[in-house]
Amino acid sequence: MNATTTEPARARAVLSSEDFKLLQEAVLFYLKAHEDDPVSSKYSNLYHRLGSAGRR
């Protein structure tokens, strides 16, 4: 019996830097349209996280 070990495939990025920029732009558009919404603080946090993730 010949047992072979295989290493898992290398992980690939799902989103590109351009994708992060587009998502950040869409979230900013939402923020401007829903400034008075109490949930907007969560979107604001997401906007900033997308900006820092896009710079990586």
PDB file of N, CA and C in Angstrom:
ATOM      1  N   MET A   1       0.854  -1.179   0.000  1.00  0.00           N
ATOM      2  CA  MET A   1       0.000   0.000   0.000  1.00  0.00           C
ATOM      3  C   MET A   1       0.894   1.234   0.000  1.00  0.00           C
ATOM      4  N   ASN A   2       0.697   2.117  -0.942  1.00  0.00           N
ATOM      5  CA  ASN A   2       1.519   3.303  -1.097  1.00  0.00           C
ATOM      6  C   ASN A   2       0.687   4.532  -0.719  1.00  0.00           C
ATOM      7  N   ALA A   3       0.964   5.081   0.454  1.00  0.00           N
ATOM      8  CA  ALA A   3       0.208   6.245   0.925  1.00  0.00           C
ATOM      9  C   ALA A   3       0.929   7.514   0.500  1.00  0.00           C
ATOM     10  N   THR A   4       0.198   8.397  -0.148  1.00  0.00           N
ATOM     11  CA  THR A   4       0.774   9.680  -0.540  1.00  0.00           C
ATOM     12  C   THR A   4       0.049  10.783   0.206  1.00  0.00           C
ATOM     13  N   THR A   5       0.809  11.767   0.603  1.00  0.00           N
ATOM     14  CA  THR A   5       0.201  12.916   1.273  1.00  0.00           C
ATOM     15  C   THR A   5       0.140  14.066   0.284  1.00  0.00           C
ATOM     16  N   THR A   6      -0.988  14.671   0.234  1.00  0.00           N
ATOM     17  CA  THR A   6      -1.146  15.824  -0.652  1.00  0.00           C
ATOM     18  C   THR A   6      -1.382  17.056   0.203  1.00  0.00           C
ATOM     19  N   GLU A   7      -0.751  18.127  -0.180  1.00  0.00           N
ATOM     20  CA  GLU A   7      -0.941  19.383   0.534  1.00  0.00           C
ATOM     21  C   GLU A   7      -2.156  20.094  -0.045  1.00  0.00           C
ATOM     22  N   PRO A   8      -2.860  20.828   0.811  1.00  0.00           N
ATOM     23  CA  PRO A   8      -4.034  21.555   0.301  1.00  0.00           C
ATOM     24  C   PRO A   8      -3.614  22.608  -0.723  1.00  0.00           C
ATOM     25  N   ALA A   9      -4.523  22.890  -1.621  1.00  0.00           N
ATOM     26  CA  ALA A   9      -4.262  23.899  -2.649  1.00  0.00           C
ATOM     27  C   ALA A   9      -4.078  25.260  -1.991  1.00  0.00           C
ATOM     28  N   ARG A  10      -3.261  26.077  -2.580  1.00  0.00           N
ATOM     29  CA  ARG A  10      -3.008  27.411  -2.054  1.00  0.00           C
ATOM     30  C   ARG A  10      -4.253  28.282  -2.201  1.00  0.00           C
ATOM     31  N   ALA A  11      -4.570  29.029  -1.146  1.00  0.00           N
ATOM     32  CA  ALA A  11      -5.753  29.894  -1.170  1.00  0.00           C
ATOM     33  C   ALA A  11      -5.548  31.043  -2.149  1.00  0.00           C
ATOM     34  N   ARG A  12      -6.597  31.376  -2.855  1.00  0.00           N
ATOM     35  CA  ARG A  12      -6.560  32.486  -3.804  1.00  0.00           C
ATOM     36  C   ARG A  12      -7.463  33.601  -3.305  1.00  0.00           C
ATOM     37  N   ALA A  13      -7.090  34.816  -3.605  1.00  0.00           N
ATOM     38  CA  ALA A  13      -7.899  35.970  -3.216  1.00  0.00           C
ATOM     39  C   ALA A  13      -9.238  35.923  -3.951  1.00  0.00           C
ATOM     40  N   VAL A  14     -10.282  36.217  -3.231  1.00  0.00           N
ATOM     41  CA  VAL A  14     -11.619  36.208  -3.828  1.00  0.00           C
ATOM     42  C   VAL A  14     -11.942  37.573  -4.435  1.00  0.00           C
ATOM     43  N   LEU A  15     -11.491  38.628  -3.774  1.00  0.00           N
ATOM     44  CA  LEU A  15     -11.763  39.984  -4.252  1.00  0.00           C
ATOM     45  C   LEU A  15     -10.458  40.685  -4.606  1.00  0.00           C
ATOM     46  N   SER A  16     -10.492  41.454  -5.660  1.00  0.00           N
ATOM     47  CA  SER A  16      -9.312  42.215  -6.062  1.00  0.00           C
ATOM     48  C   SER A  16      -9.326  43.581  -5.372  1.00  0.00           C
ATOM     49  N   SER A  17      -8.238  44.299  -5.491  1.00  0.00           N
ATOM     50  CA  SER A  17      -8.164  45.660  -4.940  1.00  0.00           C
ATOM     51  C   SER A  17      -9.222  46.546  -5.590  1.00  0.00           C
ATOM     52  N   GLU A  18      -9.440  46.346  -6.876  1.00  0.00           N
ATOM     53  CA  GLU A  18     -10.463  47.117  -7.589  1.00  0.00           C
ATOM     54  C   GLU A  18     -11.856  46.815  -7.033  1.00  0.00           C
ATOM     55  N   ASP A  19     -12.102  45.562  -6.659  1.00  0.00           N
ATOM     56  CA  ASP A  19     -13.397  45.191  -6.059  1.00  0.00           C
ATOM     57  C   ASP A  19     -13.616  45.944  -4.749  1.00  0.00           C
ATOM     58  N   PHE A  20     -12.558  46.045  -3.925  1.00  0.00           N
ATOM     59  CA  PHE A  20     -12.690  46.770  -2.659  1.00  0.00           C
ATOM     60  C   PHE A  20     -13.021  48.235  -2.915  1.00  0.00           C
ATOM     61  N   LYS A  21     -12.398  48.831  -3.926  1.00  0.00           N
ATOM     62  CA  LYS A  21     -12.681  50.233  -4.255  1.00  0.00           C
ATOM     63  C   LYS A  21     -14.128  50.405  -4.695  1.00  0.00           C
ATOM     64  N   LEU A  22     -14.621  49.480  -5.520  1.00  0.00           N
ATOM     65  CA  LEU A  22     -16.012  49.561  -5.984  1.00  0.00           C
ATOM     66  C   LEU A  22     -16.995  49.384  -4.830  1.00  0.00           C
ATOM     67  N   LEU A  23     -16.723  48.435  -3.954  1.00  0.00           N
ATOM     68  CA  LEU A  23     -17.594  48.224  -2.798  1.00  0.00           C
ATOM     69  C   LEU A  23     -17.584  49.437  -1.872  1.00  0.00           C
ATOM     70  N   GLN A  24     -16.406  50.012  -1.677  1.00  0.00           N
ATOM     71  CA  GLN A  24     -16.311  51.191  -0.828  1.00  0.00           C
ATOM     72  C   GLN A  24     -17.108  52.346  -1.427  1.00  0.00           C
ATOM     73  N   GLU A  25     -17.030  52.513  -2.732  1.00  0.00           N
ATOM     74  CA  GLU A  25     -17.785  53.570  -3.407  1.00  0.00           C
ATOM     75  C   GLU A  25     -19.297  53.344  -3.261  1.00  0.00           C
ATOM     76  N   ALA A  26     -19.735  52.096  -3.371  1.00  0.00           N
ATOM     77  CA  ALA A  26     -21.156  51.783  -3.226  1.00  0.00           C
ATOM     78  C   ALA A  26     -21.634  52.045  -1.797  1.00  0.00           C
ATOM     79  N   VAL A  27     -20.809  51.698  -0.819  1.00  0.00           N
ATOM     80  CA  VAL A  27     -21.179  51.940   0.580  1.00  0.00           C
ATOM     81  C   VAL A  27     -21.239  53.443   0.846  1.00  0.00           C
ATOM     82  N   LEU A  28     -20.310  54.207   0.281  1.00  0.00           N
ATOM     83  CA  LEU A  28     -20.331  55.660   0.445  1.00  0.00           C
ATOM     84  C   LEU A  28     -21.605  56.254  -0.155  1.00  0.00           C
ATOM     85  N   PHE A  29     -22.007  55.769  -1.322  1.00  0.00           N
ATOM     86  CA  PHE A  29     -23.251  56.220  -1.943  1.00  0.00           C
ATOM     87  C   PHE A  29     -24.436  55.954  -1.011  1.00  0.00           C
ATOM     88  N   TYR A  30     -24.465  54.758  -0.408  1.00  0.00           N
ATOM     89  CA  TYR A  30     -25.530  54.408   0.534  1.00  0.00           C
ATOM     90  C   TYR A  30     -25.498  55.345   1.740  1.00  0.00           C
ATOM     91  N   LEU A  31     -24.309  55.591   2.283  1.00  0.00           N
ATOM     92  CA  LEU A  31     -24.191  56.458   3.455  1.00  0.00           C
ATOM     93  C   LEU A  31     -24.741  57.850   3.192  1.00  0.00           C
ATOM     94  N   LYS A  32     -24.426  58.397   2.026  1.00  0.00           N
ATOM     95  CA  LYS A  32     -24.904  59.739   1.693  1.00  0.00           C
ATOM     96  C   LYS A  32     -26.416  59.776   1.543  1.00  0.00           C
ATOM     97  N   ALA A  33     -26.996  58.690   1.048  1.00  0.00           N
ATOM     98  CA  ALA A  33     -28.444  58.640   0.839  1.00  0.00           C
ATOM     99  C   ALA A  33     -29.219  58.322   2.119  1.00  0.00           C
ATOM    100  N   HIS A  34     -28.549  57.756   3.135  1.00  0.00           N
ATOM    101  CA  HIS A  34     -29.225  57.314   4.361  1.00  0.00           C
ATOM    102  C   HIS A  34     -28.537  57.861   5.606  1.00  0.00           C
ATOM    103  N   GLU A  35     -28.183  59.126   5.569  1.00  0.00           N
ATOM    104  CA  GLU A  35     -27.441  59.732   6.686  1.00  0.00           C
ATOM    105  C   GLU A  35     -28.173  59.638   8.024  1.00  0.00           C
ATOM    106  N   ASP A  36     -29.494  59.715   8.005  1.00  0.00           N
ATOM    107  CA  ASP A  36     -30.262  59.736   9.249  1.00  0.00           C
ATOM    108  C   ASP A  36     -30.623  58.344   9.761  1.00  0.00           C
ATOM    109  N   ASP A  37     -30.269  57.320   9.035  1.00  0.00           N
ATOM    110  CA  ASP A  37     -30.586  55.951   9.419  1.00  0.00           C
ATOM    111  C   ASP A  37     -29.694  55.520  10.581  1.00  0.00           C
ATOM    112  N   PRO A  38     -30.271  54.990  11.661  1.00  0.00           N
ATOM    113  CA  PRO A  38     -29.453  54.560  12.799  1.00  0.00           C
ATOM    114  C   PRO A  38     -28.447  53.455  12.440  1.00  0.00           C
ATOM    115  N   VAL A  39     -28.710  52.702  11.402  1.00  0.00           N
ATOM    116  CA  VAL A  39     -27.817  51.620  10.991  1.00  0.00           C
ATOM    117  C   VAL A  39     -26.609  52.172  10.225  1.00  0.00           C
ATOM    118  N   SER A  40     -26.646  53.444   9.852  1.00  0.00           N
ATOM    119  CA  SER A  40     -25.581  53.999   9.022  1.00  0.00           C
ATOM    120  C   SER A  40     -24.204  53.935   9.690  1.00  0.00           C
ATOM    121  N   SER A  41     -24.156  53.883  11.016  1.00  0.00           N
ATOM    122  CA  SER A  41     -22.853  53.779  11.686  1.00  0.00           C
ATOM    123  C   SER A  41     -22.175  52.454  11.342  1.00  0.00           C
ATOM    124  N   LYS A  42     -22.961  51.398  11.164  1.00  0.00           N
ATOM    125  CA  LYS A  42     -22.392  50.106  10.766  1.00  0.00           C
ATOM    126  C   LYS A  42     -21.824  50.186   9.350  1.00  0.00           C
ATOM    127  N   TYR A  43     -22.525  50.906   8.481  1.00  0.00           N
ATOM    128  CA  TYR A  43     -22.040  51.083   7.116  1.00  0.00           C
ATOM    129  C   TYR A  43     -20.796  51.970   7.091  1.00  0.00           C
ATOM    130  N   SER A  44     -20.747  52.935   7.977  1.00  0.00           N
ATOM    131  CA  SER A  44     -19.567  53.784   8.071  1.00  0.00           C
ATOM    132  C   SER A  44     -18.347  52.961   8.478  1.00  0.00           C
ATOM    133  N   ASN A  45     -18.523  52.080   9.444  1.00  0.00           N
ATOM    134  CA  ASN A  45     -17.430  51.196   9.857  1.00  0.00           C
ATOM    135  C   ASN A  45     -17.000  50.290   8.704  1.00  0.00           C
ATOM    136  N   LEU A  46     -17.966  49.763   7.964  1.00  0.00           N
ATOM    137  CA  LEU A  46     -17.670  48.925   6.809  1.00  0.00           C
ATOM    138  C   LEU A  46     -16.887  49.713   5.758  1.00  0.00           C
ATOM    139  N   TYR A  47     -17.295  50.949   5.534  1.00  0.00           N
ATOM    140  CA  TYR A  47     -16.607  51.811   4.569  1.00  0.00           C
ATOM    141  C   TYR A  47     -15.119  51.938   4.920  1.00  0.00           C
ATOM    142  N   HIS A  48     -14.836  52.167   6.180  1.00  0.00           N
ATOM    143  CA  HIS A  48     -13.445  52.327   6.605  1.00  0.00           C
ATOM    144  C   HIS A  48     -12.668  51.011   6.549  1.00  0.00           C
ATOM    145  N   ARG A  49     -13.322  49.902   6.891  1.00  0.00           N
ATOM    146  CA  ARG A  49     -12.647  48.597   6.790  1.00  0.00           C
ATOM    147  C   ARG A  49     -12.328  48.258   5.338  1.00  0.00           C
ATOM    148  N   LEU A  50     -13.247  48.582   4.434  1.00  0.00           N
ATOM    149  CA  LEU A  50     -12.983  48.319   3.014  1.00  0.00           C
ATOM    150  C   LEU A  50     -11.793  49.144   2.526  1.00  0.00           C
ATOM    151  N   GLY A  51     -11.684  50.370   3.023  1.00  0.00           N
ATOM    152  CA  GLY A  51     -10.564  51.211   2.627  1.00  0.00           C
ATOM    153  C   GLY A  51      -9.233  50.644   3.094  1.00  0.00           C
ATOM    154  N   SER A  52      -9.208  50.136   4.321  1.00  0.00           N
ATOM    155  CA  SER A  52      -7.939  49.583   4.818  1.00  0.00           C
ATOM    156  C   SER A  52      -7.638  48.240   4.172  1.00  0.00           C
ATOM    157  N   ALA A  53      -8.660  47.470   3.833  1.00  0.00           N
ATOM    158  CA  ALA A  53      -8.434  46.175   3.182  1.00  0.00           C
ATOM    159  C   ALA A  53      -7.967  46.362   1.743  1.00  0.00           C
ATOM    160  N   GLY A  54      -8.428  47.398   1.088  1.00  0.00           N
ATOM    161  CA  GLY A  54      -8.052  47.651  -0.290  1.00  0.00           C
ATOM    162  C   GLY A  54      -6.607  48.101  -0.446  1.00  0.00           C
ATOM    163  N   ARG A  55      -6.034  48.612   0.646  1.00  0.00           N
ATOM    164  CA  ARG A  55      -4.642  49.088   0.608  1.00  0.00           C
ATOM    165  C   ARG A  55      -3.641  47.974   0.859  1.00  0.00           C
ATOM    166  N   ARG A  56      -4.098  46.808   1.225  1.00  0.00           N
ATOM    167  CA  ARG A  56      -3.188  45.696   1.531  1.00  0.00           C
ATOM    168  C   ARG A  56      -2.555  45.133   0.305  1.00  0.00           C
TER     169      ARG A  56
END
